[in-house]
Amino acid sequence: MWCASQQVERLESDPSAVTALAELGVDYVYIGRMGDFETAGLNGDLLRSEPGLEEVYNSDGVTIFRVRP
């Protein structure tokens, strides 16, 4: 079974990750200004085109998406 952080990382390349996140009980995906510990983080522009995600906040390099599969 995939953990939530692995599903989040898959969001940019695999639309089924949204459904998997919802099944894991994840309601929101947060993209911080600084990325994560290893990479620049998720690309919010790519995620905006994902029909299972709804952008609910975007300011100063921080974006929050609601998971809506």
Protein backbone atom coordinates (compact mmCIF):
# COMPACT_ATOMS: atom_id res chain seq x y z
CA MET A 1 0.00 0.00 0.00
CA TRP A 2 1.23 3.47 -0.85
CA CYS A 3 1.57 6.05 1.90
CA ALA A 4 0.08 9.53 1.51
CA SER A 5 3.41 11.25 0.81
CA GLN A 6 4.13 8.83 -2.05
CA GLN A 7 0.69 9.54 -3.54
CA VAL A 8 1.29 13.29 -3.31
CA GLU A 9 4.57 12.89 -5.20
CA ARG A 10 2.70 10.97 -7.93
CA LEU A 11 0.15 13.77 -8.45
CA GLU A 12 2.08 15.47 -11.26
CA SER A 13 2.31 12.32 -13.36
CA ASP A 14 -0.59 10.07 -12.33
CA PRO A 15 -4.18 11.35 -12.03
CA SER A 16 -5.20 8.21 -10.10
CA ALA A 17 -3.15 9.53 -7.17
CA VAL A 18 -6.00 11.94 -6.35
CA THR A 19 -8.39 9.05 -5.77
CA ALA A 20 -5.79 7.21 -3.73
CA LEU A 21 -5.25 10.29 -1.55
CA ALA A 22 -8.98 10.60 -0.93
CA GLU A 23 -9.13 6.92 0.06
CA LEU A 24 -6.31 7.57 2.55
CA GLY A 25 -8.36 10.37 4.09
CA VAL A 26 -6.30 13.27 2.70
CA ASP A 27 -8.42 16.40 2.24
CA TYR A 28 -5.81 19.01 1.26
CA VAL A 29 -2.44 19.22 -0.50
CA TYR A 30 -0.15 22.05 0.61
CA ILE A 31 2.66 23.38 -1.59
CA GLY A 32 5.05 25.54 0.37
CA ARG A 33 7.28 28.27 -0.94
CA MET A 34 10.46 26.35 -0.13
CA GLY A 35 9.61 22.96 -1.68
CA ASP A 36 10.39 19.87 0.33
CA PHE A 37 13.53 18.36 1.84
CA GLU A 38 14.83 16.87 -1.42
CA THR A 39 13.35 18.79 -4.35
CA ALA A 40 11.77 22.08 -5.36
CA GLY A 41 8.36 20.56 -4.55
CA LEU A 42 5.25 20.08 -6.62
CA ASN A 43 4.43 22.24 -9.61
CA GLY A 44 1.19 24.06 -8.78
CA ASP A 45 0.65 24.98 -12.43
CA LEU A 46 0.48 21.30 -13.38
CA LEU A 47 -1.83 20.48 -10.50
CA ARG A 48 -4.29 23.25 -11.44
CA SER A 49 -5.22 21.22 -14.53
CA GLU A 50 -6.02 18.14 -12.43
CA PRO A 51 -9.83 17.84 -12.22
CA GLY A 52 -9.66 16.10 -8.82
CA LEU A 53 -7.94 19.07 -7.18
CA GLU A 54 -9.50 22.45 -6.41
CA GLU A 55 -7.20 25.37 -5.66
CA VAL A 56 -8.46 27.05 -2.50
CA TYR A 57 -5.51 29.28 -1.64
CA ASN A 58 -2.62 30.86 -3.55
CA SER A 59 -0.49 33.63 -2.05
CA ASP A 60 3.21 34.42 -1.63
CA GLY A 61 4.39 31.13 -3.12
CA VAL A 62 2.05 28.98 -1.03
CA THR A 63 -0.73 27.00 -2.73
CA ILE A 64 -3.35 24.76 -1.15
CA PHE A 65 -5.54 22.34 -3.12
CA ARG A 66 -8.65 20.56 -1.84
CA VAL A 67 -8.76 16.88 -2.85
CA ARG A 68 -12.06 16.30 -4.69
CA PRO A 69 -11.95 12.99 -6.62
